PDB file of N, CA and C in Angstrom:
ATOM      1  N   UNK A   1       0.827  -1.195   0.000  1.00  0.00           N
ATOM      2  CA  UNK A   1       0.000   0.000   0.000  1.00  0.00           C
ATOM      3  C   UNK A   1       0.864   1.248   0.000  1.00  0.00           C
ATOM      4  N   UNK A   2       1.845   1.285   0.905  1.00  0.00           N
ATOM      5  CA  UNK A   2       2.710   2.464   0.985  1.00  0.00           C
ATOM      6  C   UNK A   2       3.529   2.595  -0.290  1.00  0.00           C
ATOM      7  N   UNK A   3       4.028   1.459  -0.785  1.00  0.00           N
ATOM      8  CA  UNK A   3       4.823   1.479  -2.012  1.00  0.00           C
ATOM      9  C   UNK A   3       3.987   1.991  -3.180  1.00  0.00           C
ATOM     10  N   UNK A   4       2.743   1.524  -3.275  1.00  0.00           N
ATOM     11  CA  UNK A   4       1.906   1.985  -4.377  1.00  0.00           C
ATOM     12  C   UNK A   4       1.618   3.481  -4.248  1.00  0.00           C
ATOM     13  N   UNK A   5       1.470   3.978  -3.010  1.00  0.00           N
ATOM     14  CA  UNK A   5       1.261   5.415  -2.819  1.00  0.00           C
ATOM     15  C   UNK A   5       2.488   6.208  -3.235  1.00  0.00           C
ATOM     16  N   UNK A   6       3.661   5.699  -2.899  1.00  0.00           N
ATOM     17  CA  UNK A   6       4.889   6.374  -3.307  1.00  0.00           C
ATOM     18  C   UNK A   6       5.035   6.385  -4.822  1.00  0.00           C
ATOM     19  N   UNK A   7       4.682   5.268  -5.449  1.00  0.00           N
ATOM     20  CA  UNK A   7       4.762   5.203  -6.904  1.00  0.00           C
ATOM     21  C   UNK A   7       3.783   6.171  -7.548  1.00  0.00           C
ATOM     22  N   UNK A   8       2.610   6.309  -6.960  1.00  0.00           N
ATOM     23  CA  UNK A   8       1.617   7.214  -7.527  1.00  0.00           C
ATOM     24  C   UNK A   8       2.059   8.672  -7.416  1.00  0.00           C
ATOM     25  N   UNK A   9       2.791   8.987  -6.361  1.00  0.00           N
ATOM     26  CA  UNK A   9       3.280  10.362  -6.208  1.00  0.00           C
ATOM     27  C   UNK A   9       4.265  10.688  -7.315  1.00  0.00           C
ATOM     28  N   UNK A  10       5.125   9.741  -7.660  1.00  0.00           N
ATOM     29  CA  UNK A  10       6.141   9.974  -8.680  1.00  0.00           C
ATOM     30  C   UNK A  10       5.608   9.796 -10.098  1.00  0.00           C
ATOM     31  N   UNK A  11       4.393   9.257 -10.248  1.00  0.00           N
ATOM     32  CA  UNK A  11       3.834   9.038 -11.577  1.00  0.00           C
ATOM     33  C   UNK A  11       3.376  10.362 -12.188  1.00  0.00           C
ATOM     34  N   UNK A  12       3.473  10.415 -13.466  1.00  0.00           N
ATOM     35  CA  UNK A  12       2.938  11.547 -14.186  1.00  0.00           C
ATOM     36  C   UNK A  12       1.432  11.379 -14.291  1.00  0.00           C
ATOM     37  N   UNK A  13       0.699  12.439 -14.552  1.00  0.00           N
ATOM     38  CA  UNK A  13      -0.764  12.347 -14.610  1.00  0.00           C
ATOM     39  C   UNK A  13      -1.261  11.265 -15.582  1.00  0.00           C
ATOM     40  N   UNK A  14      -0.617  11.136 -16.722  1.00  0.00           N
ATOM     41  CA  UNK A  14      -1.056  10.135 -17.701  1.00  0.00           C
ATOM     42  C   UNK A  14      -0.850   8.722 -17.149  1.00  0.00           C
ATOM     43  N   UNK A  15       0.274   8.490 -16.479  1.00  0.00           N
ATOM     44  CA  UNK A  15       0.537   7.183 -15.892  1.00  0.00           C
ATOM     45  C   UNK A  15      -0.468   6.870 -14.782  1.00  0.00           C
ATOM     46  N   UNK A  16      -0.791   7.874 -13.960  1.00  0.00           N
ATOM     47  CA  UNK A  16      -1.787   7.682 -12.902  1.00  0.00           C
ATOM     48  C   UNK A  16      -3.136   7.327 -13.494  1.00  0.00           C
ATOM     49  N   UNK A  17      -3.487   7.979 -14.578  1.00  0.00           N
ATOM     50  CA  UNK A  17      -4.772   7.708 -15.222  1.00  0.00           C
ATOM     51  C   UNK A  17      -4.803   6.283 -15.765  1.00  0.00           C
ATOM     52  N   UNK A  18      -3.703   5.846 -16.394  1.00  0.00           N
ATOM     53  CA  UNK A  18      -3.630   4.483 -16.921  1.00  0.00           C
ATOM     54  C   UNK A  18      -3.675   3.441 -15.803  1.00  0.00           C
ATOM     55  N   UNK A  19      -2.987   3.737 -14.700  1.00  0.00           N
ATOM     56  CA  UNK A  19      -3.007   2.822 -13.562  1.00  0.00           C
ATOM     57  C   UNK A  19      -4.427   2.709 -12.988  1.00  0.00           C
ATOM     58  N   UNK A  20      -5.092   3.829 -12.874  1.00  0.00           N
ATOM     59  CA  UNK A  20      -6.476   3.834 -12.384  1.00  0.00           C
ATOM     60  C   UNK A  20      -7.384   3.045 -13.333  1.00  0.00           C
ATOM     61  N   UNK A  21      -7.174   3.194 -14.609  1.00  0.00           N
ATOM     62  CA  UNK A  21      -7.959   2.472 -15.610  1.00  0.00           C
ATOM     63  C   UNK A  21      -7.733   0.960 -15.479  1.00  0.00           C
ATOM     64  N   UNK A  22      -6.471   0.568 -15.277  1.00  0.00           N
ATOM     65  CA  UNK A  22      -6.156  -0.854 -15.080  1.00  0.00           C
ATOM     66  C   UNK A  22      -6.856  -1.407 -13.840  1.00  0.00           C
ATOM     67  N   UNK A  23      -6.832  -0.651 -12.759  1.00  0.00           N
ATOM     68  CA  UNK A  23      -7.489  -1.072 -11.525  1.00  0.00           C
ATOM     69  C   UNK A  23      -8.990  -1.227 -11.737  1.00  0.00           C
ATOM     70  N   UNK A  24      -9.578  -0.294 -12.464  1.00  0.00           N
ATOM     71  CA  UNK A  24     -11.015  -0.357 -12.725  1.00  0.00           C
ATOM     72  C   UNK A  24     -11.368  -1.559 -13.599  1.00  0.00           C
ATOM     73  N   UNK A  25     -10.520  -1.869 -14.569  1.00  0.00           N
ATOM     74  CA  UNK A  25     -10.755  -3.043 -15.420  1.00  0.00           C
ATOM     75  C   UNK A  25     -10.675  -4.321 -14.608  1.00  0.00           C
ATOM     76  N   UNK A  26      -9.689  -4.392 -13.687  1.00  0.00           N
ATOM     77  CA  UNK A  26      -9.574  -5.567 -12.812  1.00  0.00           C
ATOM     78  C   UNK A  26     -10.812  -5.708 -11.938  1.00  0.00           C
ATOM     79  N   UNK A  27     -11.299  -4.596 -11.433  1.00  0.00           N
ATOM     80  CA  UNK A  27     -12.495  -4.608 -10.601  1.00  0.00           C
ATOM     81  C   UNK A  27     -13.704  -5.105 -11.390  1.00  0.00           C
ATOM     82  N   UNK A  28     -13.864  -4.622 -12.605  1.00  0.00           N
ATOM     83  CA  UNK A  28     -14.980  -5.048 -13.451  1.00  0.00           C
ATOM     84  C   UNK A  28     -14.871  -6.536 -13.764  1.00  0.00           C
ATOM     85  N   UNK A  29     -13.661  -7.017 -14.032  1.00  0.00           N
ATOM     86  CA  UNK A  29     -13.465  -8.442 -14.316  1.00  0.00           C
ATOM     87  C   UNK A  29     -13.846  -9.287 -13.099  1.00  0.00           C
ATOM     88  N   UNK A  30     -13.455  -8.832 -11.918  1.00  0.00           N
ATOM     89  CA  UNK A  30     -13.799  -9.563 -10.695  1.00  0.00           C
ATOM     90  C   UNK A  30     -15.309  -9.557 -10.463  1.00  0.00           C
ATOM     91  N   UNK A  31     -15.950  -8.441 -10.674  1.00  0.00           N
ATOM     92  CA  UNK A  31     -17.400  -8.353 -10.501  1.00  0.00           C
ATOM     93  C   UNK A  31     -18.135  -9.244 -11.501  1.00  0.00           C
ATOM     94  N   UNK A  32     -17.612  -9.349 -12.714  1.00  0.00           N
ATOM     95  CA  UNK A  32     -18.234 -10.236 -13.705  1.00  0.00           C
ATOM     96  C   UNK A  32     -18.123 -11.693 -13.271  1.00  0.00           C
ATOM     97  N   UNK A  33     -16.953 -12.073 -12.725  1.00  0.00           N
ATOM     98  CA  UNK A  33     -16.787 -13.438 -12.230  1.00  0.00           C
ATOM     99  C   UNK A  33     -17.786 -13.722 -11.113  1.00  0.00           C
ATOM    100  N   UNK A  34     -17.920 -12.775 -10.192  1.00  0.00           N
ATOM    101  CA  UNK A  34     -18.819 -12.967  -9.061  1.00  0.00           C
ATOM    102  C   UNK A  34     -20.271 -13.012  -9.497  1.00  0.00           C
ATOM    103  N   UNK A  35     -20.613 -12.297 -10.561  1.00  0.00           N
ATOM    104  CA  UNK A  35     -22.006 -12.295 -11.012  1.00  0.00           C
ATOM    105  C   UNK A  35     -22.402 -13.627 -11.647  1.00  0.00           C
ATOM    106  N   UNK A  36     -21.414 -14.411 -12.086  1.00  0.00           N
ATOM    107  CA  UNK A  36     -21.694 -15.701 -12.709  1.00  0.00           C
ATOM    108  C   UNK A  36     -21.879 -16.824 -11.689  1.00  0.00           C
ATOM    109  N   UNK A  37     -21.595 -16.549 -10.426  1.00  0.00           N
ATOM    110  CA  UNK A  37     -21.739 -17.563  -9.386  1.00  0.00           C
ATOM    111  C   UNK A  37     -23.223 -17.835  -9.169  1.00  0.00           C
ATOM    112  N   UNK A  38     -23.575 -19.121  -9.196  1.00  0.00           N
ATOM    113  CA  UNK A  38     -24.974 -19.463  -8.947  1.00  0.00           C
ATOM    114  C   UNK A  38     -25.239 -19.382  -7.453  1.00  0.00           C
ATOM    115  N   UNK A  39     -26.326 -18.745  -7.115  1.00  0.00           N
ATOM    116  CA  UNK A  39     -26.677 -18.573  -5.718  1.00  0.00           C
ATOM    117  C   UNK A  39     -27.923 -19.376  -5.407  1.00  0.00           C
ATOM    118  N   UNK A  40     -27.986 -19.854  -4.171  1.00  0.00           N
ATOM    119  CA  UNK A  40     -29.164 -20.597  -3.744  1.00  0.00           C
ATOM    120  C   UNK A  40     -29.800 -19.847  -2.580  1.00  0.00           C
ATOM    121  N   UNK A  41     -31.095 -20.015  -2.403  1.00  0.00           N
ATOM    122  CA  UNK A  41     -31.768 -19.316  -1.303  1.00  0.00           C
ATOM    123  C   UNK A  41     -31.249 -19.784   0.064  1.00  0.00           C
ATOM    124  N   UNK A  42     -31.313 -18.895   1.034  1.00  0.00           N
ATOM    125  CA  UNK A  42     -30.872 -19.198   2.389  1.00  0.00           C
ATOM    126  C   UNK A  42     -31.641 -20.391   2.950  1.00  0.00           C
ATOM    127  N   UNK A  43     -32.931 -20.453   2.669  1.00  0.00           N
ATOM    128  CA  UNK A  43     -33.740 -21.554   3.197  1.00  0.00           C
ATOM    129  C   UNK A  43     -33.216 -22.904   2.713  1.00  0.00           C
ATOM    130  N   UNK A  44     -32.791 -22.965   1.474  1.00  0.00           N
ATOM    131  CA  UNK A  44     -32.231 -24.211   0.942  1.00  0.00           C
ATOM    132  C   UNK A  44     -30.876 -24.505   1.578  1.00  0.00           C
ATOM    133  N   UNK A  45     -30.072 -23.475   1.786  1.00  0.00           N
ATOM    134  CA  UNK A  45     -28.762 -23.658   2.426  1.00  0.00           C
ATOM    135  C   UNK A  45     -28.923 -24.213   3.834  1.00  0.00           C
ATOM    136  N   UNK A  46     -29.886 -23.676   4.562  1.00  0.00           N
ATOM    137  CA  UNK A  46     -30.130 -24.135   5.925  1.00  0.00           C
ATOM    138  C   UNK A  46     -30.540 -25.598   5.927  1.00  0.00           C
ATOM    139  N   UNK A  47     -31.412 -25.979   5.008  1.00  0.00           N
ATOM    140  CA  UNK A  47     -31.834 -27.379   4.921  1.00  0.00           C
ATOM    141  C   UNK A  47     -30.650 -28.287   4.598  1.00  0.00           C
ATOM    142  N   UNK A  48     -29.789 -27.856   3.690  1.00  0.00           N
ATOM    143  CA  UNK A  48     -28.610 -28.652   3.339  1.00  0.00           C
ATOM    144  C   UNK A  48     -27.674 -28.818   4.541  1.00  0.00           C
ATOM    145  N   UNK A  49     -27.487 -27.752   5.299  1.00  0.00           N
ATOM    146  CA  UNK A  49     -26.613 -27.815   6.482  1.00  0.00           C
ATOM    147  C   UNK A  49     -27.215 -28.749   7.529  1.00  0.00           C
ATOM    148  N   UNK A  50     -28.517 -28.652   7.742  1.00  0.00           N
ATOM    149  CA  UNK A  50     -29.177 -29.536   8.703  1.00  0.00           C
ATOM    150  C   UNK A  50     -29.056 -31.004   8.288  1.00  0.00           C
ATOM    151  N   UNK A  51     -29.264 -31.291   7.014  1.00  0.00           N
ATOM    152  CA  UNK A  51     -29.120 -32.662   6.523  1.00  0.00           C
ATOM    153  C   UNK A  51     -27.700 -33.170   6.765  1.00  0.00           C
ATOM    154  N   UNK A  52     -26.710 -32.330   6.486  1.00  0.00           N
ATOM    155  CA  UNK A  52     -25.312 -32.713   6.672  1.00  0.00           C
ATOM    156  C   UNK A  52     -25.031 -33.005   8.150  1.00  0.00           C
ATOM    157  N   UNK A  53     -25.533 -32.146   9.031  1.00  0.00           N
ATOM    158  CA  UNK A  53     -25.294 -32.338  10.469  1.00  0.00           C
ATOM    159  C   UNK A  53     -25.933 -33.627  10.970  1.00  0.00           C
ATOM    160  N   UNK A  54     -27.171 -33.875  10.566  1.00  0.00           N
ATOM    161  CA  UNK A  54     -27.864 -35.089  11.000  1.00  0.00           C
ATOM    162  C   UNK A  54     -27.163 -36.325  10.443  1.00  0.00           C
ATOM    163  N   UNK A  55     -26.739 -36.266   9.198  1.00  0.00           N
ATOM    164  CA  UNK A  55     -26.072 -37.402   8.560  1.00  0.00           C
ATOM    165  C   UNK A  55     -24.744 -37.731   9.243  1.00  0.00           C
ATOM    166  N   UNK A  56     -23.991 -36.710   9.631  1.00  0.00           N
ATOM    167  CA  UNK A  56     -22.654 -36.913  10.187  1.00  0.00           C
ATOM    168  C   UNK A  56     -22.613 -36.911  11.709  1.00  0.00           C
ATOM    169  N   UNK A  57     -23.753 -36.760  12.353  1.00  0.00           N
ATOM    170  CA  UNK A  57     -23.798 -36.723  13.808  1.00  0.00           C
ATOM    171  C   UNK A  57     -23.231 -37.988  14.461  1.00  0.00           C
ATOM    172  N   UNK A  58     -23.518 -39.194  13.945  1.00  0.00           N
ATOM    173  CA  UNK A  58     -22.984 -40.403  14.598  1.00  0.00           C
ATOM    174  C   UNK A  58     -21.457 -40.483  14.613  1.00  0.00           C
ATOM    175  N   UNK A  59     -20.789 -39.864  13.678  1.00  0.00           N
ATOM    176  CA  UNK A  59     -19.329 -39.946  13.624  1.00  0.00           C
ATOM    177  C   UNK A  59     -18.642 -38.673  14.108  1.00  0.00           C
ATOM    178  N   UNK A  60     -19.404 -37.719  14.616  1.00  0.00           N
ATOM    179  CA  UNK A  60     -18.848 -36.447  15.069  1.00  0.00           C
ATOM    180  C   UNK A  60     -18.366 -36.582  16.514  1.00  0.00           C
ATOM    181  N   UNK A  61     -17.068 -36.472  16.707  1.00  0.00           N
ATOM    182  CA  UNK A  61     -16.493 -36.621  18.038  1.00  0.00           C
ATOM    183  C   UNK A  61     -16.888 -35.484  18.971  1.00  0.00           C
ATOM    184  N   UNK A  62     -17.209 -34.332  18.442  1.00  0.00           N
ATOM    185  CA  UNK A  62     -17.633 -33.229  19.299  1.00  0.00           C
ATOM    186  C   UNK A  62     -19.020 -33.475  19.878  1.00  0.00           C
ATOM    187  N   UNK A  63     -19.813 -34.311  19.218  1.00  0.00           N
ATOM    188  CA  UNK A  63     -21.158 -34.626  19.699  1.00  0.00           C
ATOM    189  C   UNK A  63     -21.130 -35.860  20.592  1.00  0.00           C
ATOM    190  N   UNK A  64     -20.510 -36.943  20.119  1.00  0.00           N
ATOM    191  CA  UNK A  64     -20.562 -38.205  20.861  1.00  0.00           C
ATOM    192  C   UNK A  64     -19.394 -38.400  21.813  1.00  0.00           C
ATOM    193  N   UNK A  65     -18.329 -37.649  21.645  1.00  0.00           N
ATOM    194  CA  UNK A  65     -17.160 -37.807  22.497  1.00  0.00           C
ATOM    195  C   UNK A  65     -16.238 -38.892  21.971  1.00  0.00           C
ATOM    196  N   UNK A  66     -15.167 -39.144  22.702  1.00  0.00           N
ATOM    197  CA  UNK A  66     -14.177 -40.132  22.304  1.00  0.00           C
ATOM    198  C   UNK A  66     -14.363 -41.394  23.123  1.00  0.00           C
ATOM    199  N   UNK A  67     -14.114 -42.546  22.515  1.00  0.00           N
ATOM    200  CA  UNK A  67     -14.243 -43.818  23.215  1.00  0.00           C
ATOM    201  C   UNK A  67     -13.206 -43.930  24.324  1.00  0.00           C
ATOM    202  N   UNK A  68     -12.025 -43.429  24.082  1.00  0.00           N
ATOM    203  CA  UNK A  68     -10.981 -43.425  25.113  1.00  0.00           C
ATOM    204  C   UNK A  68     -10.190 -42.127  24.992  1.00  0.00           C
ATOM    205  N   UNK A  69      -9.506 -41.785  26.053  1.00  0.00           N
ATOM    206  CA  UNK A  69      -8.719 -40.555  26.048  1.00  0.00           C
ATOM    207  C   UNK A  69      -7.556 -40.615  25.057  1.00  0.00           C
ATOM    208  N   UNK A  70      -7.110 -41.805  24.711  1.00  0.00           N
ATOM    209  CA  UNK A  70      -6.007 -41.939  23.755  1.00  0.00           C
ATOM    210  C   UNK A  70      -6.418 -41.474  22.360  1.00  0.00           C
ATOM    211  N   UNK A  71      -7.708 -41.555  22.048  1.00  0.00           N
ATOM    212  CA  UNK A  71      -8.195 -41.107  20.744  1.00  0.00           C
ATOM    213  C   UNK A  71      -8.338 -39.585  20.671  1.00  0.00           C
ATOM    214  N   UNK A  72      -8.389 -38.948  21.816  1.00  0.00           N
ATOM    215  CA  UNK A  72      -8.623 -37.507  21.882  1.00  0.00           C
ATOM    216  C   UNK A  72      -7.328 -36.745  21.579  1.00  0.00           C
ATOM    217  N   UNK A  73      -7.253 -36.072  20.424  1.00  0.00           N
ATOM    218  CA  UNK A  73      -6.025 -35.324  20.102  1.00  0.00           C
ATOM    219  C   UNK A  73      -5.895 -34.045  20.937  1.00  0.00           C
ATOM    220  N   UNK A  74      -6.962 -33.658  21.658  1.00  0.00           N
ATOM    221  CA  UNK A  74      -6.958 -32.413  22.428  1.00  0.00           C
ATOM    222  C   UNK A  74      -6.716 -32.655  23.922  1.00  0.00           C
ATOM    223  N   UNK A  75      -6.449 -33.897  24.313  1.00  0.00           N
ATOM    224  CA  UNK A  75      -6.257 -34.204  25.729  1.00  0.00           C
ATOM    225  C   UNK A  75      -4.980 -33.527  26.220  1.00  0.00           C
ATOM    226  N   UNK A  76      -4.938 -33.345  27.533  1.00  0.00           N
ATOM    227  CA  UNK A  76      -3.736 -32.764  28.120  1.00  0.00           C
ATOM    228  C   UNK A  76      -2.634 -33.814  28.117  1.00  0.00           C
ATOM    229  N   UNK A  77      -1.501 -33.426  27.677  1.00  0.00           N
ATOM    230  CA  UNK A  77      -0.359 -34.335  27.607  1.00  0.00           C
ATOM    231  C   UNK A  77       0.315 -34.410  28.976  1.00  0.00           C
ATOM    232  N   UNK A  78       0.808 -35.596  29.291  1.00  0.00           N
ATOM    233  CA  UNK A  78       1.586 -35.740  30.505  1.00  0.00           C
ATOM    234  C   UNK A  78       2.961 -35.165  30.246  1.00  0.00           C
ATOM    235  N   UNK A  79       3.442 -34.440  31.187  1.00  0.00           N
ATOM    236  CA  UNK A  79       4.777 -33.865  31.038  1.00  0.00           C
ATOM    237  C   UNK A  79       5.753 -34.599  31.939  1.00  0.00           C
ATOM    238  N   UNK A  80       6.941 -34.716  31.509  1.00  0.00           N
ATOM    239  CA  UNK A  80       7.981 -35.386  32.255  1.00  0.00           C
ATOM    240  C   UNK A  80       8.926 -34.326  32.815  1.00  0.00           C
ATOM    241  N   UNK A  81       9.011 -34.297  34.117  1.00  0.00           N
ATOM    242  CA  UNK A  81       9.886 -33.309  34.747  1.00  0.00           C
ATOM    243  C   UNK A  81      11.040 -34.054  35.410  1.00  0.00           C
ATOM    244  N   UNK A  82      12.233 -33.724  35.021  1.00  0.00           N
ATOM    245  CA  UNK A  82      13.437 -34.346  35.598  1.00  0.00           C
ATOM    246  C   UNK A  82      14.061 -33.390  36.582  1.00  0.00           C
ATOM    247  N   UNK A  83      14.378 -33.931  37.739  1.00  0.00           N
ATOM    248  CA  UNK A  83      15.058 -33.110  38.763  1.00  0.00           C
ATOM    249  C   UNK A  83      16.503 -33.470  38.845  1.00  0.00           C
TER     250      UNK A  83
END
């Protein structure tokens, strides 16, 4: 950001105008890409998320827990202290 500001200060008016034009073209290209994205209604998204949660609930360790502490990657580790 700072470098681009320094470059803009040293640019001549024509160069600044061309740089601004390039930025605007990039922005338009990005907006065109985003406009082509297919969108689905929120209600459908919520239903899909609920289906996914219900389907994966039996294997979700955060819901059912771990069978043993050895399977839990978040358990507190024993530390070895040597005197």
